[in-house]
Protein backbone atom coordinates (compact mmCIF):
# COMPACT_ATOMS: atom_id res chain seq x y z
CA UNK A 1 114.40 95.50 41.43
CA UNK A 2 116.11 98.23 42.76
CA UNK A 3 113.28 97.64 46.43
CA UNK A 4 115.09 94.43 46.59
CA UNK A 5 118.61 95.55 46.68
CA UNK A 6 117.82 98.16 48.80
CA UNK A 7 116.05 96.20 51.32
CA UNK A 8 119.51 93.85 51.18
CA UNK A 9 121.62 97.18 52.19
CA UNK A 10 119.57 98.00 55.13
CA UNK A 11 119.53 93.77 55.81
CA UNK A 12 123.33 94.07 55.59
CA UNK A 13 123.52 97.73 58.44
CA UNK A 14 122.89 95.07 61.66
CA UNK A 15 124.87 92.07 62.53
CA UNK A 16 123.47 88.75 62.29
CA UNK A 17 121.43 87.00 65.75
CA UNK A 18 123.46 85.42 68.03
CA UNK A 19 121.89 81.37 69.26
CA UNK A 20 121.37 83.38 72.47
CA UNK A 21 119.23 85.84 70.93
CA UNK A 22 117.32 83.46 68.71
CA UNK A 23 116.54 81.53 71.78
CA UNK A 24 115.18 84.39 73.63
CA UNK A 25 113.18 85.72 71.24
CA UNK A 26 111.22 82.50 70.04
CA UNK A 27 110.40 82.17 74.06
CA UNK A 28 108.96 85.23 74.41
CA UNK A 29 107.21 84.46 70.94
CA UNK A 30 105.45 81.45 72.84
CA UNK A 31 104.44 82.98 75.66
CA UNK A 32 102.75 85.82 74.30
CA UNK A 33 100.94 82.89 71.80
CA UNK A 34 100.17 81.13 74.71
CA UNK A 35 98.42 83.83 76.75
CA UNK A 36 96.64 84.43 73.48
CA UNK A 37 95.12 81.25 74.35
CA UNK A 38 94.45 82.32 77.76
CA UNK A 39 92.36 85.57 76.93
CA UNK A 40 88.94 83.44 75.51
CA UNK A 41 85.32 85.17 75.92
CA UNK A 42 84.69 82.25 78.72
CA UNK A 43 87.82 83.71 80.81
CA UNK A 44 86.77 87.75 80.29
CA UNK A 45 83.07 87.16 81.63
CA UNK A 46 85.10 85.10 84.97
CA UNK A 47 87.52 87.92 85.59
CA UNK A 48 84.30 90.56 85.27
CA UNK A 49 82.66 88.89 87.23
CA UNK A 50 85.54 88.57 89.85
CA UNK A 51 85.81 92.84 89.68
CA UNK A 52 82.08 92.65 89.84
CA UNK A 53 82.30 91.12 93.16
CA UNK A 54 85.86 93.04 94.48
CA UNK A 55 83.71 96.32 94.25
CA UNK A 56 80.47 94.88 96.04
CA UNK A 57 83.31 93.63 98.77
CA UNK A 58 84.44 97.00 99.12
CA UNK A 59 81.07 99.19 98.72
CA UNK A 60 81.60 100.60 102.14
CA UNK A 61 84.27 102.69 101.47
CA UNK A 62 83.12 104.00 97.95
CA UNK A 63 82.31 108.04 98.41
CA UNK A 64 79.07 109.12 96.30
CA UNK A 65 79.85 111.35 93.48
CA UNK A 66 76.84 112.91 93.91
CA UNK A 67 77.71 114.64 97.67
CA UNK A 68 81.22 115.68 96.09
CA UNK A 69 82.20 118.83 93.92
CA UNK A 70 84.84 117.42 91.01
CA UNK A 71 85.74 119.60 88.50
CA UNK A 72 88.39 119.66 86.13
CA UNK A 73 87.36 122.41 83.74
CA UNK A 74 84.95 125.24 83.92
CA UNK A 75 81.74 126.06 81.43
CA UNK A 76 84.07 126.75 78.88
CA UNK A 77 86.11 123.67 79.46
CA UNK A 78 89.13 125.40 80.61
CA UNK A 79 90.90 123.60 82.71
CA UNK A 80 90.01 123.98 86.94
CA UNK A 81 92.76 126.31 89.12
CA UNK A 82 95.38 123.81 90.33
CA UNK A 83 94.19 123.27 94.40
CA UNK A 84 96.40 124.32 96.99
CA UNK A 85 97.90 121.39 98.83
CA UNK A 86 98.84 119.96 95.19
CA UNK A 87 100.48 123.57 94.87
CA UNK A 88 102.48 123.45 97.83
CA UNK A 89 103.70 119.83 96.29
CA UNK A 90 104.60 121.19 93.58
CA UNK A 91 106.89 123.94 95.06
CA UNK A 92 108.77 121.60 97.60
CA UNK A 93 109.50 118.77 94.65
CA UNK A 94 111.44 122.12 92.66
CA UNK A 95 113.08 123.37 96.10
CA UNK A 96 114.20 120.03 96.33
CA UNK A 97 115.96 120.09 93.52
CA UNK A 98 113.76 117.05 91.87
CA UNK A 99 112.67 118.44 89.31
CA UNK A 100 114.22 118.70 85.66
């Protein structure tokens, strides 16, 4: 009983939705429902094939990571040293007043 009274008080804190707001909410709800209907196993397979074809078409621009030394952490899982380029960019941002 007390829970119902508390819930009624909480509902009274807000103004009633306008007709435009209700229409907008219904429109968005319908759009989301339509999107959910489009997400099917078949659609996912089709998109997966498109992604694989894109990767194949752009294979010539790929970099072989086995030949590159990419390290975000050292052996002890400490963050890697910030590169000089990033440090310079960071300093430029600070100097130009873009940092908060």
